[in-house]
Structures are given as C-alpha cells and as structure tokens.
Protein backbone atom coordinates (compact mmCIF):
# COMPACT_ATOMS: atom_id res chain seq x y z
CA MET A 1 -24.42 25.44 -132.21
CA SER A 2 -22.41 22.68 -130.71
CA PRO A 3 -19.37 21.40 -132.60
CA GLY A 4 -20.97 18.00 -133.30
CA GLN A 5 -23.86 19.46 -135.28
CA HIS A 6 -21.70 20.44 -138.25
CA THR A 7 -20.60 16.89 -138.95
CA ALA A 8 -22.38 14.67 -141.42
CA ALA A 9 -23.81 12.55 -138.61
CA GLY A 10 -25.18 15.64 -136.86
CA VAL A 11 -26.77 16.92 -140.04
CA ARG A 12 -28.25 13.50 -140.74
CA ALA A 13 -29.65 13.27 -137.21
CA ARG A 14 -31.26 16.71 -137.45
CA TRP A 15 -32.71 15.83 -140.90
CA ARG A 16 -34.09 12.55 -139.51
CA ARG A 17 -35.69 14.34 -136.53
CA TRP A 18 -37.25 16.96 -138.82
CA ARG A 19 -38.49 14.37 -141.31
CA ARG A 20 -40.06 12.16 -138.62
CA ALA A 21 -41.91 15.10 -137.11
CA ARG A 22 -44.13 15.36 -140.19
CA PRO A 23 -45.78 13.10 -142.81
CA PHE A 24 -42.84 13.51 -145.16
CA THR A 25 -43.32 10.38 -147.29
CA ALA A 26 -47.04 11.07 -147.72
CA GLY A 27 -46.43 14.66 -148.84
CA LEU A 28 -43.70 13.54 -151.20
CA LEU A 29 -45.95 10.91 -152.81
CA ILE A 30 -48.81 13.38 -153.21
CA ALA A 31 -46.54 16.00 -154.78
CA LEU A 32 -44.98 13.41 -157.10
CA GLY A 33 -48.44 12.19 -158.13
CA GLY A 34 -49.55 15.72 -159.00
CA ALA A 35 -46.30 16.41 -160.86
CA GLU A 36 -46.68 13.18 -162.83
CA MET A 37 -50.20 14.18 -163.85
CA LEU A 38 -48.94 17.58 -165.00
CA VAL A 39 -46.20 15.90 -167.06
CA THR A 40 -48.68 13.55 -168.76
CA LEU A 41 -50.83 16.52 -169.71
CA ARG A 42 -47.90 18.10 -171.52
CA ALA A 43 -46.80 14.85 -173.17
CA PRO A 44 -47.01 14.88 -176.98
CA LEU A 45 -49.20 11.79 -177.00
CA GLY A 46 -52.48 13.44 -177.89
CA VAL A 47 -54.46 10.86 -175.93
CA LEU A 48 -57.07 13.24 -174.59
CA LEU A 49 -57.74 16.78 -175.72
CA HIS A 50 -59.47 19.04 -173.22
CA VAL A 51 -60.97 22.34 -174.27
CA GLY A 52 -62.67 24.91 -172.06
CA PRO A 53 -63.49 24.21 -168.42
CA GLN A 54 -62.30 20.62 -168.66
CA GLY A 55 -58.90 21.85 -169.77
CA LEU A 56 -58.70 24.13 -166.72
CA ALA A 57 -59.61 21.25 -164.40
CA ALA A 58 -56.95 19.10 -166.04
CA TYR A 59 -54.28 21.57 -164.90
CA LEU A 60 -55.95 22.70 -161.68
CA VAL A 61 -56.34 19.27 -160.03
CA PRO A 62 -52.66 18.23 -160.35
CA ALA A 63 -51.48 21.71 -159.36
CA ILE A 64 -53.56 21.58 -156.18
CA LEU A 65 -52.19 18.09 -155.48
CA VAL A 66 -48.62 19.40 -155.70
CA ILE A 67 -49.54 22.28 -153.38
CA CYS A 68 -51.22 19.84 -150.95
CA GLY A 69 -48.08 17.70 -150.90
CA VAL A 70 -45.85 20.66 -150.12
CA LEU A 71 -48.22 22.06 -147.49
CA LEU A 72 -48.52 18.64 -145.88
CA ILE A 73 -44.77 18.63 -145.34
CA THR A 74 -44.56 22.22 -144.13
CA THR A 75 -47.69 22.31 -141.93
CA PRO A 76 -48.35 18.83 -140.53
CA GLN A 77 -50.97 20.18 -138.11
CA GLN A 78 -53.47 20.33 -141.00
CA ARG A 79 -52.71 16.79 -142.19
CA VAL A 80 -56.30 15.52 -142.05
CA PHE A 81 -57.59 18.28 -144.32
CA TYR A 82 -54.77 17.85 -146.83
CA ALA A 83 -55.15 14.06 -146.73
CA VAL A 84 -58.88 14.16 -147.46
CA LEU A 85 -58.40 16.79 -150.16
CA SER A 86 -55.65 14.70 -151.76
CA LEU A 87 -57.81 11.58 -151.73
CA VAL A 88 -60.75 13.40 -153.33
CA LEU A 89 -58.57 15.11 -155.94
CA GLY A 90 -56.78 11.84 -156.68
CA LEU A 91 -60.13 10.26 -157.51
CA VAL A 92 -61.27 13.31 -159.50
CA SER A 93 -58.07 13.16 -161.54
CA TRP A 94 -59.35 9.93 -163.12
CA LEU A 95 -61.90 12.05 -164.99
CA THR A 96 -59.94 15.24 -165.57
CA SER A 97 -56.25 14.45 -166.05
CA ASN A 98 -55.67 11.69 -168.62
CA LEU A 99 -57.05 8.91 -166.43
CA GLY A 100 -55.20 10.22 -163.42
CA GLY A 101 -51.87 10.50 -165.20
CA PHE A 102 -52.31 7.03 -166.72
CA LEU A 103 -53.10 5.61 -163.24
CA VAL A 104 -49.61 6.26 -161.91
CA GLY A 105 -50.25 9.79 -160.61
CA MET A 106 -53.63 8.86 -159.25
CA LEU A 107 -52.22 5.87 -157.34
CA LEU A 108 -49.38 7.97 -155.94
CA ALA A 109 -51.86 10.61 -154.75
CA LEU A 110 -54.18 8.00 -153.21
CA VAL A 111 -51.41 6.15 -151.39
CA GLY A 112 -49.94 9.45 -150.18
CA GLY A 113 -53.35 10.64 -148.99
CA ALA A 114 -53.92 7.40 -147.11
CA LEU A 115 -50.47 7.62 -145.50
CA ALA A 116 -51.10 11.25 -144.52
CA PHE A 117 -54.46 10.35 -143.01
CA ALA A 118 -52.93 7.50 -141.00
CA TRP A 119 -49.87 9.45 -139.81
CA THR A 120 -49.77 10.54 -136.18
CA PRO A 121 -47.17 12.77 -134.56
CA VAL A 122 -44.50 11.13 -132.41
CA LYS A 123 -44.94 11.74 -128.71
CA GLN A 124 -41.91 13.38 -127.15
CA ARG A 125 -40.45 11.49 -124.21
CA THR A 126 -40.18 13.65 -121.15
CA ALA A 127 -38.23 13.02 -117.97
CA HIS A 128 -40.49 12.34 -115.02
CA PRO A 129 -39.92 15.06 -112.43
CA GLU A 130 -41.79 12.92 -109.90
CA ALA A 131 -38.90 10.44 -109.70
CA ALA A 132 -37.91 9.43 -106.19
CA PRO A 133 -35.28 11.69 -104.68
CA ALA A 134 -31.82 10.17 -104.23
CA GLU A 135 -31.60 10.87 -100.49
CA THR A 136 -34.49 8.56 -99.50
CA THR A 137 -33.46 5.15 -98.34
CA PRO A 138 -35.35 1.92 -98.91
CA ALA A 139 -35.86 1.59 -95.15
CA GLU A 140 -38.11 4.65 -95.12
CA PRO A 141 -41.61 3.53 -96.00
CA ALA A 142 -43.32 5.72 -98.49
CA ALA A 143 -46.96 6.51 -98.12
CA ALA A 144 -47.87 3.69 -100.48
CA GLY A 145 -51.12 2.68 -98.81
CA THR A 146 -52.69 6.11 -98.78
CA ALA A 147 -55.03 7.19 -101.51
CA PRO A 148 -54.64 10.61 -103.04
CA GLY A 149 -57.09 13.28 -101.97
CA PRO A 150 -59.79 14.71 -104.19
CA ARG A 151 -58.65 16.86 -107.07
CA GLU A 152 -59.25 20.54 -107.03
CA PRO A 153 -61.13 21.95 -110.01
CA VAL A 154 -59.10 23.99 -112.45
CA ASP A 155 -61.51 26.90 -112.66
CA GLY A 156 -61.48 27.61 -108.91
CA SER A 157 -65.09 26.63 -108.26
CA ALA A 158 -66.16 24.56 -105.26
CA PRO A 159 -64.11 21.40 -104.69
CA THR A 160 -65.59 18.16 -105.90
CA GLU A 161 -65.85 14.97 -103.96
CA SER A 162 -63.83 11.95 -104.94
CA LEU A 163 -65.50 8.89 -106.39
CA ASP A 164 -64.56 6.81 -103.35
CA ALA A 165 -66.26 9.30 -101.05
CA LEU A 166 -69.40 9.25 -103.17
CA LEU A 167 -69.52 5.47 -103.32
CA SER A 168 -68.83 4.93 -99.62
CA ALA A 169 -71.35 7.53 -98.44
CA GLU A 170 -74.26 6.11 -96.50
CA PRO A 171 -77.58 6.48 -98.19
CA GLY A 172 -79.51 9.18 -96.42
CA PRO A 173 -82.93 10.63 -96.88
CA ARG A 174 -83.36 11.78 -100.41
CA HIS A 175 -84.63 15.24 -100.93
CA THR A 176 -87.74 15.40 -103.05
CA ARG A 177 -89.29 18.37 -104.61
CA ALA A 178 -92.09 19.94 -102.70
CA GLU A 179 -95.35 19.33 -104.36
CA ARG A 180 -96.92 22.37 -105.80
CA GLY A 181 -100.34 22.82 -104.50
C-alpha cells in the first residue's frame, strides 16, 4: 500500500470509489425498509394480529427485503433481479406486514427498488493507446484520406467484404436457380 492510502483522505477516496461502483443508496433504502417493517411487526401496538401462514409472510417479506438490500450492495451484477424482487415484495408488504410498515417501510423499499433498477455501472475511463506518437511532426501528413480496409472476422472464417465495396460493385448478371424440370 502506498503511504497516502492510510490517511483519512485516502480512506475516504477508496470508500467513495467502492460506494459508487454499486447501487449503495438503493440497497441501503431497501434494507432499511425491510428493517422498519420488522420493527413495526414487533411493536406493542396490536394493530394487526397475524396467525398461521399470514404470520409467516409478515416476517418473511421484510426479511427477504433486508437480504435483497444487502445482496444488492455486495453483488451489483444482479441488480435487476434484486430490484424487481424488492419492488414486488414492497407491494406485497402492504397486505402482509402492517400496511407495509405503516407505509414508511413500503415506500423505502419501493424507492430503493426503483433506484436499483435505474442504476447503471460507471464506465471506467481508459487511456487511448492509439494516441499519436510524440516523434511525428505536423509536417508529416497522416493517411487521413484513406479508408480502413475490411474487417477480418473473429472466428477465422472467410473474410467479408466492406459495405463500400458492396455498394460500389457494378450490378452483374444475377444468378437464378435452375428450374427443376
């Protein structure tokens, strides 16, 4: 590690890079929404009493939301799946978990799911290796007027013709199928 990475600014910069490489805010909102729903289920308010399968769903939906929020932060490659699952479970929580944690948990899960669905990874900037070499002078004309040749196929099959060659080709006799007789 370089000496500058142990300073507070270095730690903050690494945290910022890590946080921006994933839908951190979306995962946090989803996890907070699920946690809020779990807290309202344990509140001594006695608003709704669930017995049997409904009681299991009341605990299962918020628990899965918390897990989705954590997994969204740790594995951002699966963000679309976790976002859709969070949106569906946020809506289901209206019926199963005290009106979605008295609307607060449901809204947090829905906003987090929408943010996760809309999040896209940041493209890394790369240096262009095709930059002009330093030893060329402006007096040397580059081959600016020449068009690039046809591309070679990746799989090693026969080379393809370029679009310019196909468009500029003279129309010749068209081959027709021999009539079967």
